[in-house]
Amino acid sequence: MPRTRTFAAAAVAAASLALGIAAAAPASATTTNTTCTTWSDSNTFGGYCSEGGTYFRAVAKCNNGQTVYGDLRRVGGGTWSYAYCTSVNSSLYGGNIAIA
């Protein structure tokens, strides 16, 4: 039974992250057991997490006030997540990594 609860909790966390309602930590902060690297330019925020959590995604706050989300990626999976403010006709104000 504990195994089922763990799987269910992970599924709920992943679903919340996919919907963009998970709490996001600042990219410059390292939370317990989380190792992430970030990159940005004037329009894009990206990140990669090598350990900690199960999934992550880049979250960009754009100068027009909108928030955009990168693709959900598996931690340690070797793939970066990028959030593009150009998708909402804006430039980057700031960003962070959301981890589940």
PDB file of N, CA and C in Angstrom:
ATOM      1  N   MET A   1       0.811  -1.212   0.000  1.00  0.00           N
ATOM      2  CA  MET A   1       0.000   0.000   0.000  1.00  0.00           C
ATOM      3  C   MET A   1       0.848   1.266   0.000  1.00  0.00           C
ATOM      4  N   PRO A   2       1.947   1.352   0.759  1.00  0.00           N
ATOM      5  CA  PRO A   2       2.761   2.567   0.708  1.00  0.00           C
ATOM      6  C   PRO A   2       3.267   2.882  -0.697  1.00  0.00           C
ATOM      7  N   ARG A   3       3.563   1.857  -1.469  1.00  0.00           N
ATOM      8  CA  ARG A   3       4.039   2.075  -2.827  1.00  0.00           C
ATOM      9  C   ARG A   3       2.976   2.776  -3.660  1.00  0.00           C
ATOM     10  N   THR A   4       1.711   2.400  -3.498  1.00  0.00           N
ATOM     11  CA  THR A   4       0.613   3.027  -4.216  1.00  0.00           C
ATOM     12  C   THR A   4       0.477   4.485  -3.816  1.00  0.00           C
ATOM     13  N   ARG A   5       0.602   4.781  -2.535  1.00  0.00           N
ATOM     14  CA  ARG A   5       0.506   6.159  -2.073  1.00  0.00           C
ATOM     15  C   ARG A   5       1.623   7.016  -2.658  1.00  0.00           C
ATOM     16  N   THR A   6       2.834   6.466  -2.703  1.00  0.00           N
ATOM     17  CA  THR A   6       3.958   7.201  -3.276  1.00  0.00           C
ATOM     18  C   THR A   6       3.700   7.496  -4.738  1.00  0.00           C
ATOM     19  N   PHE A   7       3.238   6.520  -5.488  1.00  0.00           N
ATOM     20  CA  PHE A   7       2.945   6.717  -6.901  1.00  0.00           C
ATOM     21  C   PHE A   7       1.842   7.744  -7.078  1.00  0.00           C
ATOM     22  N   ALA A   8       0.795   7.649  -6.254  1.00  0.00           N
ATOM     23  CA  ALA A   8      -0.318   8.599  -6.361  1.00  0.00           C
ATOM     24  C   ALA A   8       0.145  10.007  -6.051  1.00  0.00           C
ATOM     25  N   ALA A   9       0.979  10.177  -5.036  1.00  0.00           N
ATOM     26  CA  ALA A   9       1.487  11.508  -4.691  1.00  0.00           C
ATOM     27  C   ALA A   9       2.329  12.068  -5.824  1.00  0.00           C
ATOM     28  N   ALA A  10       3.147  11.226  -6.439  1.00  0.00           N
ATOM     29  CA  ALA A  10       3.974  11.675  -7.563  1.00  0.00           C
ATOM     30  C   ALA A  10       3.096  12.059  -8.751  1.00  0.00           C
ATOM     31  N   ALA A  11       2.043  11.308  -8.988  1.00  0.00           N
ATOM     32  CA  ALA A  11       1.146  11.609 -10.104  1.00  0.00           C
ATOM     33  C   ALA A  11       0.427  12.936  -9.877  1.00  0.00           C
ATOM     34  N   VAL A  12      -0.010  13.184  -8.654  1.00  0.00           N
ATOM     35  CA  VAL A  12      -0.684  14.451  -8.346  1.00  0.00           C
ATOM     36  C   VAL A  12       0.289  15.608  -8.508  1.00  0.00           C
ATOM     37  N   ALA A  13       1.516  15.447  -8.022  1.00  0.00           N
ATOM     38  CA  ALA A  13       2.518  16.510  -8.159  1.00  0.00           C
ATOM     39  C   ALA A  13       2.820  16.789  -9.627  1.00  0.00           C
ATOM     40  N   ALA A  14       2.974  15.744 -10.419  1.00  0.00           N
ATOM     41  CA  ALA A  14       3.262  15.929 -11.844  1.00  0.00           C
ATOM     42  C   ALA A  14       2.092  16.590 -12.555  1.00  0.00           C
ATOM     43  N   ALA A  15       0.862  16.200 -12.210  1.00  0.00           N
ATOM     44  CA  ALA A  15      -0.310  16.807 -12.832  1.00  0.00           C
ATOM     45  C   ALA A  15      -0.410  18.278 -12.457  1.00  0.00           C
ATOM     46  N   SER A  16      -0.144  18.603 -11.199  1.00  0.00           N
ATOM     47  CA  SER A  16      -0.171  20.000 -10.772  1.00  0.00           C
ATOM     48  C   SER A  16       0.857  20.817 -11.527  1.00  0.00           C
ATOM     49  N   LEU A  17       2.047  20.265 -11.694  1.00  0.00           N
ATOM     50  CA  LEU A  17       3.096  20.970 -12.418  1.00  0.00           C
ATOM     51  C   LEU A  17       2.706  21.159 -13.874  1.00  0.00           C
ATOM     52  N   ALA A  18       2.095  20.152 -14.469  1.00  0.00           N
ATOM     53  CA  ALA A  18       1.689  20.256 -15.867  1.00  0.00           C
ATOM     54  C   ALA A  18       0.638  21.343 -16.052  1.00  0.00           C
ATOM     55  N   LEU A  19      -0.172  21.561 -15.051  1.00  0.00           N
ATOM     56  CA  LEU A  19      -1.192  22.599 -15.133  1.00  0.00           C
ATOM     57  C   LEU A  19      -0.662  23.970 -14.747  1.00  0.00           C
ATOM     58  N   GLY A  20       0.584  24.021 -14.307  1.00  0.00           N
ATOM     59  CA  GLY A  20       1.195  25.296 -13.971  1.00  0.00           C
ATOM     60  C   GLY A  20       0.785  25.838 -12.625  1.00  0.00           C
ATOM     61  N   ILE A  21       0.361  24.955 -11.705  1.00  0.00           N
ATOM     62  CA  ILE A  21      -0.076  25.444 -10.408  1.00  0.00           C
ATOM     63  C   ILE A  21       0.872  25.042  -9.286  1.00  0.00           C
ATOM     64  N   ALA A  22       1.985  24.470  -9.626  1.00  0.00           N
ATOM     65  CA  ALA A  22       2.963  24.098  -8.597  1.00  0.00           C
ATOM     66  C   ALA A  22       3.732  25.330  -8.148  1.00  0.00           C
ATOM     67  N   ALA A  23       4.181  25.293  -6.923  1.00  0.00           N
ATOM     68  CA  ALA A  23       5.002  26.404  -6.419  1.00  0.00           C
ATOM     69  C   ALA A  23       6.353  26.347  -7.101  1.00  0.00           C
ATOM     70  N   ALA A  24       6.880  27.483  -7.452  1.00  0.00           N
ATOM     71  CA  ALA A  24       8.161  27.543  -8.141  1.00  0.00           C
ATOM     72  C   ALA A  24       9.188  28.230  -7.256  1.00  0.00           C
ATOM     73  N   ALA A  25      10.384  27.660  -7.216  1.00  0.00           N
ATOM     74  CA  ALA A  25      11.477  28.263  -6.465  1.00  0.00           C
ATOM     75  C   ALA A  25      12.302  29.113  -7.420  1.00  0.00           C
ATOM     76  N   PRO A  26      12.886  30.200  -6.944  1.00  0.00           N
ATOM     77  CA  PRO A  26      13.742  31.003  -7.810  1.00  0.00           C
ATOM     78  C   PRO A  26      14.874  30.162  -8.377  1.00  0.00           C
ATOM     79  N   ALA A  27      15.237  30.420  -9.610  1.00  0.00           N
ATOM     80  CA  ALA A  27      16.269  29.632 -10.271  1.00  0.00           C
ATOM     81  C   ALA A  27      17.609  29.753  -9.570  1.00  0.00           C
ATOM     82  N   SER A  28      17.873  30.888  -8.962  1.00  0.00           N
ATOM     83  CA  SER A  28      19.156  31.076  -8.309  1.00  0.00           C
ATOM     84  C   SER A  28      19.230  30.355  -6.972  1.00  0.00           C
ATOM     85  N   ALA A  29      18.086  29.947  -6.442  1.00  0.00           N
ATOM     86  CA  ALA A  29      18.070  29.258  -5.153  1.00  0.00           C
ATOM     87  C   ALA A  29      18.187  27.761  -5.371  1.00  0.00           C
ATOM     88  N   THR A  30      18.889  27.107  -4.483  1.00  0.00           N
ATOM     89  CA  THR A  30      18.986  25.660  -4.520  1.00  0.00           C
ATOM     90  C   THR A  30      18.216  25.131  -3.332  1.00  0.00           C
ATOM     91  N   THR A  31      17.161  24.365  -3.593  1.00  0.00           N
ATOM     92  CA  THR A  31      16.382  23.791  -2.521  1.00  0.00           C
ATOM     93  C   THR A  31      16.998  22.460  -2.138  1.00  0.00           C
ATOM     94  N   THR A  32      16.563  21.894  -1.050  1.00  0.00           N
ATOM     95  CA  THR A  32      17.122  20.657  -0.539  1.00  0.00           C
ATOM     96  C   THR A  32      17.149  19.581  -1.618  1.00  0.00           C
ATOM     97  N   ASN A  33      18.310  18.983  -1.814  1.00  0.00           N
ATOM     98  CA  ASN A  33      18.500  17.883  -2.763  1.00  0.00           C
ATOM     99  C   ASN A  33      18.131  18.229  -4.199  1.00  0.00           C
ATOM    100  N   THR A  34      18.245  19.473  -4.587  1.00  0.00           N
ATOM    101  CA  THR A  34      17.942  19.883  -5.953  1.00  0.00           C
ATOM    102  C   THR A  34      19.165  20.562  -6.563  1.00  0.00           C
ATOM    103  N   THR A  35      19.550  20.115  -7.745  1.00  0.00           N
ATOM    104  CA  THR A  35      20.661  20.725  -8.462  1.00  0.00           C
ATOM    105  C   THR A  35      20.177  21.113  -9.846  1.00  0.00           C
ATOM    106  N   CYS A  36      20.072  22.435 -10.087  1.00  0.00           N
ATOM    107  CA  CYS A  36      19.588  22.929 -11.374  1.00  0.00           C
ATOM    108  C   CYS A  36      20.565  23.948 -11.938  1.00  0.00           C
ATOM    109  N   THR A  37      20.617  24.012 -13.254  1.00  0.00           N
ATOM    110  CA  THR A  37      21.409  24.992 -13.975  1.00  0.00           C
ATOM    111  C   THR A  37      20.440  25.782 -14.842  1.00  0.00           C
ATOM    112  N   THR A  38      20.632  27.104 -14.916  1.00  0.00           N
ATOM    113  CA  THR A  38      19.731  27.925 -15.719  1.00  0.00           C
ATOM    114  C   THR A  38      20.490  28.703 -16.771  1.00  0.00           C
ATOM    115  N   TRP A  39      19.753  29.166 -17.760  1.00  0.00           N
ATOM    116  CA  TRP A  39      20.287  29.981 -18.856  1.00  0.00           C
ATOM    117  C   TRP A  39      19.183  30.934 -19.287  1.00  0.00           C
ATOM    118  N   SER A  40      19.545  32.133 -19.724  1.00  0.00           N
ATOM    119  CA  SER A  40      18.541  33.051 -20.252  1.00  0.00           C
ATOM    120  C   SER A  40      19.174  34.018 -21.240  1.00  0.00           C
ATOM    121  N   ASP A  41      18.334  34.574 -22.097  1.00  0.00           N
ATOM    122  CA  ASP A  41      18.724  35.695 -22.949  1.00  0.00           C
ATOM    123  C   ASP A  41      17.584  36.717 -22.839  1.00  0.00           C
ATOM    124  N   SER A  42      17.470  37.633 -23.739  1.00  0.00           N
ATOM    125  CA  SER A  42      16.468  38.692 -23.605  1.00  0.00           C
ATOM    126  C   SER A  42      15.034  38.202 -23.803  1.00  0.00           C
ATOM    127  N   ASN A  43      14.841  37.002 -24.347  1.00  0.00           N
ATOM    128  CA  ASN A  43      13.497  36.502 -24.634  1.00  0.00           C
ATOM    129  C   ASN A  43      13.163  35.152 -24.018  1.00  0.00           C
ATOM    130  N   THR A  44      14.159  34.408 -23.574  1.00  0.00           N
ATOM    131  CA  THR A  44      13.978  33.006 -23.208  1.00  0.00           C
ATOM    132  C   THR A  44      14.607  32.701 -21.860  1.00  0.00           C
ATOM    133  N   PHE A  45      13.943  31.833 -21.082  1.00  0.00           N
ATOM    134  CA  PHE A  45      14.514  31.310 -19.843  1.00  0.00           C
ATOM    135  C   PHE A  45      14.527  29.798 -19.950  1.00  0.00           C
ATOM    136  N   GLY A  46      15.660  29.185 -19.638  1.00  0.00           N
ATOM    137  CA  GLY A  46      15.777  27.737 -19.715  1.00  0.00           C
ATOM    138  C   GLY A  46      16.438  27.169 -18.489  1.00  0.00           C
ATOM    139  N   GLY A  47      16.223  25.884 -18.271  1.00  0.00           N
ATOM    140  CA  GLY A  47      16.836  25.226 -17.141  1.00  0.00           C
ATOM    141  C   GLY A  47      16.956  23.740 -17.332  1.00  0.00           C
ATOM    142  N   TYR A  48      17.853  23.161 -16.534  1.00  0.00           N
ATOM    143  CA  TYR A  48      18.073  21.722 -16.506  1.00  0.00           C
ATOM    144  C   TYR A  48      18.327  21.324 -15.067  1.00  0.00           C
ATOM    145  N   CYS A  49      17.661  20.285 -14.587  1.00  0.00           N
ATOM    146  CA  CYS A  49      17.872  19.782 -13.231  1.00  0.00           C
ATOM    147  C   CYS A  49      18.425  18.370 -13.299  1.00  0.00           C
ATOM    148  N   SER A  50      19.542  18.161 -12.608  1.00  0.00           N
ATOM    149  CA  SER A  50      20.199  16.859 -12.655  1.00  0.00           C
ATOM    150  C   SER A  50      19.822  15.960 -11.488  1.00  0.00           C
ATOM    151  N   GLU A  51      19.289  16.530 -10.402  1.00  0.00           N
ATOM    152  CA  GLU A  51      18.844  15.716  -9.282  1.00  0.00           C
ATOM    153  C   GLU A  51      17.859  16.503  -8.424  1.00  0.00           C
ATOM    154  N   GLY A  52      17.029  15.775  -7.698  1.00  0.00           N
ATOM    155  CA  GLY A  52      16.019  16.385  -6.836  1.00  0.00           C
ATOM    156  C   GLY A  52      14.675  16.399  -7.518  1.00  0.00           C
ATOM    157  N   GLY A  53      13.635  15.946  -6.857  1.00  0.00           N
ATOM    158  CA  GLY A  53      12.313  15.904  -7.463  1.00  0.00           C
ATOM    159  C   GLY A  53      12.231  14.836  -8.542  1.00  0.00           C
ATOM    160  N   THR A  54      11.170  14.865  -9.287  1.00  0.00           N
ATOM    161  CA  THR A  54      10.966  13.909 -10.373  1.00  0.00           C
ATOM    162  C   THR A  54      10.869  14.622 -11.710  1.00  0.00           C
ATOM    163  N   TYR A  55      10.173  15.749 -11.710  1.00  0.00           N
ATOM    164  CA  TYR A  55       9.988  16.532 -12.930  1.00  0.00           C
ATOM    165  C   TYR A  55      10.310  17.999 -12.667  1.00  0.00           C
ATOM    166  N   PHE A  56      10.608  18.726 -13.731  1.00  0.00           N
ATOM    167  CA  PHE A  56      10.857  20.159 -13.635  1.00  0.00           C
ATOM    168  C   PHE A  56      10.419  20.817 -14.922  1.00  0.00           C
ATOM    169  N   ARG A  57      10.284  22.137 -14.878  1.00  0.00           N
ATOM    170  CA  ARG A  57      10.022  22.913 -16.087  1.00  0.00           C
ATOM    171  C   ARG A  57      10.483  24.337 -15.862  1.00  0.00           C
ATOM    172  N   ALA A  58      10.851  25.007 -16.966  1.00  0.00           N
ATOM    173  CA  ALA A  58      11.219  26.416 -16.914  1.00  0.00           C
ATOM    174  C   ALA A  58       9.942  27.245 -16.870  1.00  0.00           C
ATOM    175  N   VAL A  59       9.998  28.331 -16.100  1.00  0.00           N
ATOM    176  CA  VAL A  59       8.872  29.259 -15.993  1.00  0.00           C
ATOM    177  C   VAL A  59       9.421  30.656 -16.246  1.00  0.00           C
ATOM    178  N   ALA A  60       8.869  31.351 -17.231  1.00  0.00           N
ATOM    179  CA  ALA A  60       9.345  32.694 -17.572  1.00  0.00           C
ATOM    180  C   ALA A  60       8.257  33.721 -17.294  1.00  0.00           C
ATOM    181  N   LYS A  61       8.632  34.781 -16.617  1.00  0.00           N
ATOM    182  CA  LYS A  61       7.757  35.941 -16.420  1.00  0.00           C
ATOM    183  C   LYS A  61       8.154  36.938 -17.504  1.00  0.00           C
ATOM    184  N   CYS A  62       7.182  37.367 -18.291  1.00  0.00           N
ATOM    185  CA  CYS A  62       7.464  38.241 -19.425  1.00  0.00           C
ATOM    186  C   CYS A  62       7.168  39.700 -19.078  1.00  0.00           C
ATOM    187  N   ASN A  63       7.786  40.606 -19.818  1.00  0.00           N
ATOM    188  CA  ASN A  63       7.619  42.040 -19.573  1.00  0.00           C
ATOM    189  C   ASN A  63       6.184  42.525 -19.759  1.00  0.00           C
ATOM    190  N   ASN A  64       5.353  41.788 -20.480  1.00  0.00           N
ATOM    191  CA  ASN A  64       3.954  42.186 -20.649  1.00  0.00           C
ATOM    192  C   ASN A  64       3.068  41.647 -19.524  1.00  0.00           C
ATOM    193  N   GLY A  65       3.686  41.034 -18.503  1.00  0.00           N
ATOM    194  CA  GLY A  65       2.946  40.533 -17.351  1.00  0.00           C
ATOM    195  C   GLY A  65       2.492  39.091 -17.458  1.00  0.00           C
ATOM    196  N   GLN A  66       2.651  38.480 -18.616  1.00  0.00           N
ATOM    197  CA  GLN A  66       2.244  37.091 -18.787  1.00  0.00           C
ATOM    198  C   GLN A  66       3.325  36.139 -18.310  1.00  0.00           C
ATOM    199  N   THR A  67       2.915  34.935 -17.951  1.00  0.00           N
ATOM    200  CA  THR A  67       3.834  33.878 -17.556  1.00  0.00           C
ATOM    201  C   THR A  67       3.727  32.759 -18.573  1.00  0.00           C
ATOM    202  N   VAL A  68       4.869  32.254 -19.028  1.00  0.00           N
ATOM    203  CA  VAL A  68       4.882  31.131 -19.972  1.00  0.00           C
ATOM    204  C   VAL A  68       5.695  29.995 -19.363  1.00  0.00           C
ATOM    205  N   TYR A  69       5.369  28.780 -19.791  1.00  0.00           N
ATOM    206  CA  TYR A  69       5.959  27.582 -19.219  1.00  0.00           C
ATOM    207  C   TYR A  69       6.671  26.759 -20.286  1.00  0.00           C
ATOM    208  N   GLY A  70       7.813  26.210 -19.906  1.00  0.00           N
ATOM    209  CA  GLY A  70       8.527  25.294 -20.780  1.00  0.00           C
ATOM    210  C   GLY A  70       7.930  23.904 -20.665  1.00  0.00           C
ATOM    211  N   ASP A  71       8.418  23.007 -21.491  1.00  0.00           N
ATOM    212  CA  ASP A  71       7.951  21.622 -21.456  1.00  0.00           C
ATOM    213  C   ASP A  71       8.346  20.957 -20.145  1.00  0.00           C
ATOM    214  N   LEU A  72       7.493  20.074 -19.665  1.00  0.00           N
ATOM    215  CA  LEU A  72       7.767  19.280 -18.478  1.00  0.00           C
ATOM    216  C   LEU A  72       8.846  18.264 -18.826  1.00  0.00           C
ATOM    217  N   ARG A  73       9.898  18.214 -18.016  1.00  0.00           N
ATOM    218  CA  ARG A  73      11.019  17.305 -18.269  1.00  0.00           C
ATOM    219  C   ARG A  73      11.291  16.456 -17.035  1.00  0.00           C
ATOM    220  N   ARG A  74      11.849  15.275 -17.244  1.00  0.00           N
ATOM    221  CA  ARG A  74      12.240  14.401 -16.135  1.00  0.00           C
ATOM    222  C   ARG A  74      13.601  14.860 -15.608  1.00  0.00           C
ATOM    223  N   VAL A  75      13.714  14.974 -14.291  1.00  0.00           N
ATOM    224  CA  VAL A  75      14.984  15.338 -13.662  1.00  0.00           C
ATOM    225  C   VAL A  75      16.036  14.297 -14.038  1.00  0.00           C
ATOM    226  N   GLY A  76      17.199  14.770 -14.461  1.00  0.00           N
ATOM    227  CA  GLY A  76      18.294  13.882 -14.830  1.00  0.00           C
ATOM    228  C   GLY A  76      18.138  13.233 -16.191  1.00  0.00           C
ATOM    229  N   GLY A  77      17.123  13.646 -16.937  1.00  0.00           N
ATOM    230  CA  GLY A  77      16.846  13.030 -18.234  1.00  0.00           C
ATOM    231  C   GLY A  77      17.709  13.540 -19.376  1.00  0.00           C
ATOM    232  N   GLY A  78      18.545  14.542 -19.123  1.00  0.00           N
ATOM    233  CA  GLY A  78      19.452  15.035 -20.147  1.00  0.00           C
ATOM    234  C   GLY A  78      18.868  16.080 -21.074  1.00  0.00           C
ATOM    235  N   THR A  79      17.646  16.548 -20.813  1.00  0.00           N
ATOM    236  CA  THR A  79      16.996  17.512 -21.691  1.00  0.00           C
ATOM    237  C   THR A  79      16.642  18.785 -20.925  1.00  0.00           C
ATOM    238  N   TRP A  80      16.899  19.923 -21.537  1.00  0.00           N
ATOM    239  CA  TRP A  80      16.564  21.219 -20.964  1.00  0.00           C
ATOM    240  C   TRP A  80      15.110  21.561 -21.237  1.00  0.00           C
ATOM    241  N   SER A  81      14.542  22.419 -20.408  1.00  0.00           N
ATOM    242  CA  SER A  81      13.213  22.984 -20.608  1.00  0.00           C
ATOM    243  C   SER A  81      13.392  24.473 -20.873  1.00  0.00           C
ATOM    244  N   TYR A  82      12.707  25.000 -21.890  1.00  0.00           N
ATOM    245  CA  TYR A  82      12.804  26.416 -22.242  1.00  0.00           C
ATOM    246  C   TYR A  82      11.416  27.044 -22.284  1.00  0.00           C
ATOM    247  N   ALA A  83      11.289  28.245 -21.718  1.00  0.00           N
ATOM    248  CA  ALA A  83      10.052  29.021 -21.778  1.00  0.00           C
ATOM    249  C   ALA A  83      10.333  30.265 -22.616  1.00  0.00           C
ATOM    250  N   TYR A  84       9.525  30.493 -23.634  1.00  0.00           N
ATOM    251  CA  TYR A  84       9.768  31.549 -24.616  1.00  0.00           C
ATOM    252  C   TYR A  84       8.758  32.690 -24.488  1.00  0.00           C
ATOM    253  N   CYS A  85       9.212  33.875 -24.100  1.00  0.00           N
ATOM    254  CA  CYS A  85       8.320  35.035 -24.031  1.00  0.00           C
ATOM    255  C   CYS A  85       7.916  35.507 -25.426  1.00  0.00           C
ATOM    256  N   THR A  86       8.669  35.153 -26.439  1.00  0.00           N
ATOM    257  CA  THR A  86       8.281  35.513 -27.803  1.00  0.00           C
ATOM    258  C   THR A  86       6.958  34.851 -28.188  1.00  0.00           C
ATOM    259  N   SER A  87       6.584  33.769 -27.488  1.00  0.00           N
ATOM    260  CA  SER A  87       5.315  33.096 -27.782  1.00  0.00           C
ATOM    261  C   SER A  87       4.118  33.957 -27.387  1.00  0.00           C
ATOM    262  N   VAL A  88       4.347  34.992 -26.558  1.00  0.00           N
ATOM    263  CA  VAL A  88       3.279  35.920 -26.166  1.00  0.00           C
ATOM    264  C   VAL A  88       3.669  37.349 -26.555  1.00  0.00           C
ATOM    265  N   ASN A  89       4.487  37.457 -27.586  1.00  0.00           N
ATOM    266  CA  ASN A  89       4.919  38.751 -28.135  1.00  0.00           C
ATOM    267  C   ASN A  89       5.526  39.676 -27.086  1.00  0.00           C
ATOM    268  N   SER A  90       6.465  39.139 -26.319  1.00  0.00           N
ATOM    269  CA  SER A  90       7.100  39.929 -25.271  1.00  0.00           C
ATOM    270  C   SER A  90       8.563  39.522 -25.145  1.00  0.00           C
ATOM    271  N   SER A  91       9.231  40.139 -24.189  1.00  0.00           N
ATOM    272  CA  SER A  91      10.600  39.784 -23.846  1.00  0.00           C
ATOM    273  C   SER A  91      10.645  39.327 -22.397  1.00  0.00           C
ATOM    274  N   LEU A  92      11.769  38.774 -21.995  1.00  0.00           N
ATOM    275  CA  LEU A  92      11.903  38.168 -20.670  1.00  0.00           C
ATOM    276  C   LEU A  92      12.100  39.200 -19.577  1.00  0.00           C
ATOM    277  N   TYR A  93      11.329  39.071 -18.496  1.00  0.00           N
ATOM    278  CA  TYR A  93      11.516  39.886 -17.294  1.00  0.00           C
ATOM    279  C   TYR A  93      12.332  39.098 -16.267  1.00  0.00           C
ATOM    280  N   GLY A  94      12.026  37.820 -16.100  1.00  0.00           N
ATOM    281  CA  GLY A  94      12.737  36.956 -15.150  1.00  0.00           C
ATOM    282  C   GLY A  94      12.235  35.538 -15.270  1.00  0.00           C
ATOM    283  N   GLY A  95      12.880  34.621 -14.563  1.00  0.00           N
ATOM    284  CA  GLY A  95      12.448  33.228 -14.654  1.00  0.00           C
ATOM    285  C   GLY A  95      12.845  32.426 -13.452  1.00  0.00           C
ATOM    286  N   ASN A  96      12.321  31.206 -13.401  1.00  0.00           N
ATOM    287  CA  ASN A  96      12.663  30.254 -12.361  1.00  0.00           C
ATOM    288  C   ASN A  96      12.382  28.841 -12.842  1.00  0.00           C
ATOM    289  N   ILE A  97      12.676  27.886 -11.984  1.00  0.00           N
ATOM    290  CA  ILE A  97      12.446  26.478 -12.275  1.00  0.00           C
ATOM    291  C   ILE A  97      11.383  25.963 -11.308  1.00  0.00           C
ATOM    292  N   ALA A  98      10.351  25.317 -11.827  1.00  0.00           N
ATOM    293  CA  ALA A  98       9.341  24.672 -11.003  1.00  0.00           C
ATOM    294  C   ALA A  98       9.690  23.181 -10.914  1.00  0.00           C
ATOM    295  N   ILE A  99       9.711  22.646  -9.707  1.00  0.00           N
ATOM    296  CA  ILE A  99      10.117  21.259  -9.482  1.00  0.00           C
ATOM    297  C   ILE A  99       9.003  20.499  -8.773  1.00  0.00           C
ATOM    298  N   ALA A 100       8.756  19.270  -9.236  1.00  0.00           N
ATOM    299  CA  ALA A 100       7.768  18.411  -8.574  1.00  0.00           C
ATOM    300  C   ALA A 100       8.400  17.080  -8.247  1.00  0.00           C
TER     301      ALA A 100
END
